[in-house]
Amino acid sequence: GPLIKKGEKYFNYVNKEVPADQVVEYKDKFKGHQYYHKYTEAQIQNLKELLIFLFTTYKIPLHYNEDMWTVSKNATSGKAGLYTHVSYRPDKSDAHPDPSLIKMLKSLN
């Protein structure tokens, strides 16, 4: 999730320090925040496996949607596809466009 920078250190919502090498910076901010906790390789790999399972089981299209990082008309209208929590609710910032996550999602096409 989003982080707050205090001096040269980064802190999460419970004021726990996050090492700088686990921080992704969005120069133009995302959902009002400049810094977010990076997803780990294990998180991304587990998500990939889950998405492949869901595709296989429920035939959900796995193409990458550029609009998934804002409230998406496709998502809110019920169009099948890959979306995030932020695709449905403008107040959410728990999923963010980490470059390693986007790379994995695009690899599913």
C-alpha atoms as a PDB file:
ATOM      1  CA  GLY A   1       0.000   0.000   0.000  1.00  0.00           C
ATOM      2  CA  PRO A   2       0.935   3.666   0.110  1.00  0.00           C
ATOM      3  CA  LEU A   3       3.904   4.803   2.167  1.00  0.00           C
ATOM      4  CA  ILE A   4       4.859   8.058   3.828  1.00  0.00           C
ATOM      5  CA  LYS A   5       8.403   9.341   3.536  1.00  0.00           C
ATOM      6  CA  LYS A   6       9.841  10.928   6.671  1.00  0.00           C
ATOM      7  CA  GLY A   7      13.342  12.218   6.042  1.00  0.00           C
ATOM      8  CA  GLU A   8      15.049   9.384   4.189  1.00  0.00           C
ATOM      9  CA  LYS A   9      12.822   6.622   5.620  1.00  0.00           C
ATOM     10  CA  TYR A  10       9.513   5.165   4.470  1.00  0.00           C
ATOM     11  CA  PHE A  11       6.625   4.085   6.681  1.00  0.00           C
ATOM     12  CA  ASN A  12       3.433   2.125   6.081  1.00  0.00           C
ATOM     13  CA  TYR A  13      -0.033   2.806   7.502  1.00  0.00           C
ATOM     14  CA  VAL A  14       0.855   1.293  10.895  1.00  0.00           C
ATOM     15  CA  ASN A  15       4.027   3.398  11.061  1.00  0.00           C
ATOM     16  CA  LYS A  16       6.303   0.415  10.426  1.00  0.00           C
ATOM     17  CA  GLU A  17       9.463   1.258   8.512  1.00  0.00           C
ATOM     18  CA  VAL A  18       9.804  -0.185   5.010  1.00  0.00           C
ATOM     19  CA  PRO A  19      13.329  -0.611   3.596  1.00  0.00           C
ATOM     20  CA  ALA A  20      14.102   1.727   0.671  1.00  0.00           C
ATOM     21  CA  ASP A  21      14.751  -1.215  -1.664  1.00  0.00           C
ATOM     22  CA  GLN A  22      11.111  -2.265  -1.142  1.00  0.00           C
ATOM     23  CA  VAL A  23       9.702   1.073  -2.291  1.00  0.00           C
ATOM     24  CA  VAL A  24       8.335   1.996  -5.699  1.00  0.00           C
ATOM     25  CA  GLU A  25       8.033   5.695  -6.525  1.00  0.00           C
ATOM     26  CA  TYR A  26       5.405   7.215  -8.805  1.00  0.00           C
ATOM     27  CA  LYS A  27       6.741  10.594  -9.951  1.00  0.00           C
ATOM     28  CA  ASP A  28       3.216  11.756 -10.875  1.00  0.00           C
ATOM     29  CA  LYS A  29       1.687  10.046  -7.814  1.00  0.00           C
ATOM     30  CA  PHE A  30      -0.905   7.282  -7.803  1.00  0.00           C
ATOM     31  CA  LYS A  31      -4.115   7.866  -5.884  1.00  0.00           C
ATOM     32  CA  GLY A  32      -2.492  10.881  -4.236  1.00  0.00           C
ATOM     33  CA  HIS A  33       0.594   9.015  -3.008  1.00  0.00           C
ATOM     34  CA  GLN A  34       4.121   9.095  -4.378  1.00  0.00           C
ATOM     35  CA  TYR A  35       5.520   6.000  -2.616  1.00  0.00           C
ATOM     36  CA  TYR A  36       4.173   2.456  -2.357  1.00  0.00           C
ATOM     37  CA  HIS A  37       5.410  -0.826  -0.944  1.00  0.00           C
ATOM     38  CA  LYS A  38       6.670  -2.977  -3.840  1.00  0.00           C
ATOM     39  CA  TYR A  39       5.119  -6.356  -4.428  1.00  0.00           C
ATOM     40  CA  THR A  40       7.515  -9.217  -3.745  1.00  0.00           C
ATOM     41  CA  GLU A  41       8.467 -11.735  -6.419  1.00  0.00           C
ATOM     42  CA  ALA A  42       6.599 -14.388  -4.422  1.00  0.00           C
ATOM     43  CA  GLN A  43       3.429 -12.279  -4.345  1.00  0.00           C
ATOM     44  CA  ILE A  44       3.586 -11.710  -8.088  1.00  0.00           C
ATOM     45  CA  GLN A  45       4.270 -15.389  -8.817  1.00  0.00           C
ATOM     46  CA  ASN A  46       1.426 -16.526  -6.543  1.00  0.00           C
ATOM     47  CA  LEU A  47      -0.932 -14.037  -8.177  1.00  0.00           C
ATOM     48  CA  LYS A  48       0.084 -15.307 -11.615  1.00  0.00           C
ATOM     49  CA  GLU A  49      -0.690 -18.886 -10.581  1.00  0.00           C
ATOM     50  CA  LEU A  50      -4.047 -17.814  -9.114  1.00  0.00           C
ATOM     51  CA  LEU A  51      -4.997 -15.885 -12.248  1.00  0.00           C
ATOM     52  CA  ILE A  52      -4.133 -18.847 -14.466  1.00  0.00           C
ATOM     53  CA  PHE A  53      -6.251 -21.084 -12.230  1.00  0.00           C
ATOM     54  CA  LEU A  54      -9.180 -18.636 -12.398  1.00  0.00           C
ATOM     55  CA  PHE A  55      -8.853 -18.383 -16.173  1.00  0.00           C
ATOM     56  CA  THR A  56      -8.832 -22.156 -16.507  1.00  0.00           C
ATOM     57  CA  THR A  57     -11.739 -22.649 -14.106  1.00  0.00           C
ATOM     58  CA  TYR A  58     -13.966 -19.682 -15.007  1.00  0.00           C
ATOM     59  CA  LYS A  59     -12.705 -18.682 -18.469  1.00  0.00           C
ATOM     60  CA  ILE A  60     -11.941 -15.112 -17.359  1.00  0.00           C
ATOM     61  CA  PRO A  61     -10.085 -13.233 -20.119  1.00  0.00           C
ATOM     62  CA  LEU A  62      -6.515 -12.541 -19.044  1.00  0.00           C
ATOM     63  CA  HIS A  63      -5.690  -9.629 -21.330  1.00  0.00           C
ATOM     64  CA  TYR A  64      -4.146  -6.584 -19.658  1.00  0.00           C
ATOM     65  CA  ASN A  65      -6.529  -3.634 -19.304  1.00  0.00           C
ATOM     66  CA  GLU A  66      -4.809  -0.246 -19.265  1.00  0.00           C
ATOM     67  CA  ASP A  67      -7.836   1.216 -17.452  1.00  0.00           C
ATOM     68  CA  MET A  68      -7.614  -1.180 -14.503  1.00  0.00           C
ATOM     69  CA  TRP A  69      -5.805   1.410 -12.348  1.00  0.00           C
ATOM     70  CA  THR A  70      -8.768   3.795 -12.212  1.00  0.00           C
ATOM     71  CA  VAL A  71     -12.489   3.207 -11.876  1.00  0.00           C
ATOM     72  CA  SER A  72     -13.184   1.336 -15.097  1.00  0.00           C
ATOM     73  CA  LYS A  73     -16.450   1.491 -17.022  1.00  0.00           C
ATOM     74  CA  ASN A  74     -15.668  -2.000 -18.304  1.00  0.00           C
ATOM     75  CA  ALA A  75     -15.268  -3.316 -14.762  1.00  0.00           C
ATOM     76  CA  THR A  76     -18.295  -1.570 -13.299  1.00  0.00           C
ATOM     77  CA  SER A  77     -20.496  -2.670 -16.215  1.00  0.00           C
ATOM     78  CA  GLY A  78     -19.615  -6.319 -15.563  1.00  0.00           C
ATOM     79  CA  LYS A  79     -17.431  -6.932 -18.611  1.00  0.00           C
ATOM     80  CA  ALA A  80     -15.312 -10.010 -17.930  1.00  0.00           C
ATOM     81  CA  GLY A  81     -11.615  -9.342 -17.555  1.00  0.00           C
ATOM     82  CA  LEU A  82      -8.686  -8.590 -15.286  1.00  0.00           C
ATOM     83  CA  TYR A  83      -9.344  -5.769 -12.855  1.00  0.00           C
ATOM     84  CA  THR A  84      -8.158  -4.601  -9.453  1.00  0.00           C
ATOM     85  CA  HIS A  85      -9.936  -3.304  -6.376  1.00  0.00           C
ATOM     86  CA  VAL A  86      -9.203   0.218  -7.637  1.00  0.00           C
ATOM     87  CA  SER A  87     -11.070  -0.599 -10.873  1.00  0.00           C
ATOM     88  CA  TYR A  88     -14.319  -0.496  -8.889  1.00  0.00           C
ATOM     89  CA  ARG A  89     -13.828   2.032  -6.088  1.00  0.00           C
ATOM     90  CA  PRO A  90     -12.174   5.446  -6.285  1.00  0.00           C
ATOM     91  CA  ASP A  91     -11.345   5.419  -2.562  1.00  0.00           C
ATOM     92  CA  LYS A  92      -9.133   2.311  -2.807  1.00  0.00           C
ATOM     93  CA  SER A  93      -5.365   2.328  -3.257  1.00  0.00           C
ATOM     94  CA  ASP A  94      -4.493  -1.202  -2.150  1.00  0.00           C
ATOM     95  CA  ALA A  95      -3.549  -2.284  -5.674  1.00  0.00           C
ATOM     96  CA  HIS A  96      -1.040  -0.118  -7.503  1.00  0.00           C
ATOM     97  CA  PRO A  97       0.632  -0.262 -10.922  1.00  0.00           C
ATOM     98  CA  ASP A  98       3.986  -1.636  -9.797  1.00  0.00           C
ATOM     99  CA  PRO A  99       6.049  -2.157 -13.001  1.00  0.00           C
ATOM    100  CA  SER A 100       6.851  -5.768 -12.060  1.00  0.00           C
ATOM    101  CA  LEU A 101       3.141  -6.473 -11.592  1.00  0.00           C
ATOM    102  CA  ILE A 102       2.259  -4.913 -14.951  1.00  0.00           C
ATOM    103  CA  LYS A 103       4.998  -6.948 -16.643  1.00  0.00           C
ATOM    104  CA  MET A 104       3.541 -10.161 -15.213  1.00  0.00           C
ATOM    105  CA  LEU A 105      -0.023  -9.214 -16.162  1.00  0.00           C
ATOM    106  CA  LYS A 106       1.016  -8.434 -19.736  1.00  0.00           C
ATOM    107  CA  SER A 107       2.786 -11.806 -19.937  1.00  0.00           C
ATOM    108  CA  LEU A 108      -0.590 -13.539 -19.474  1.00  0.00           C
ATOM    109  CA  ASN A 109      -1.866 -12.406 -22.892  1.00  0.00           C
END
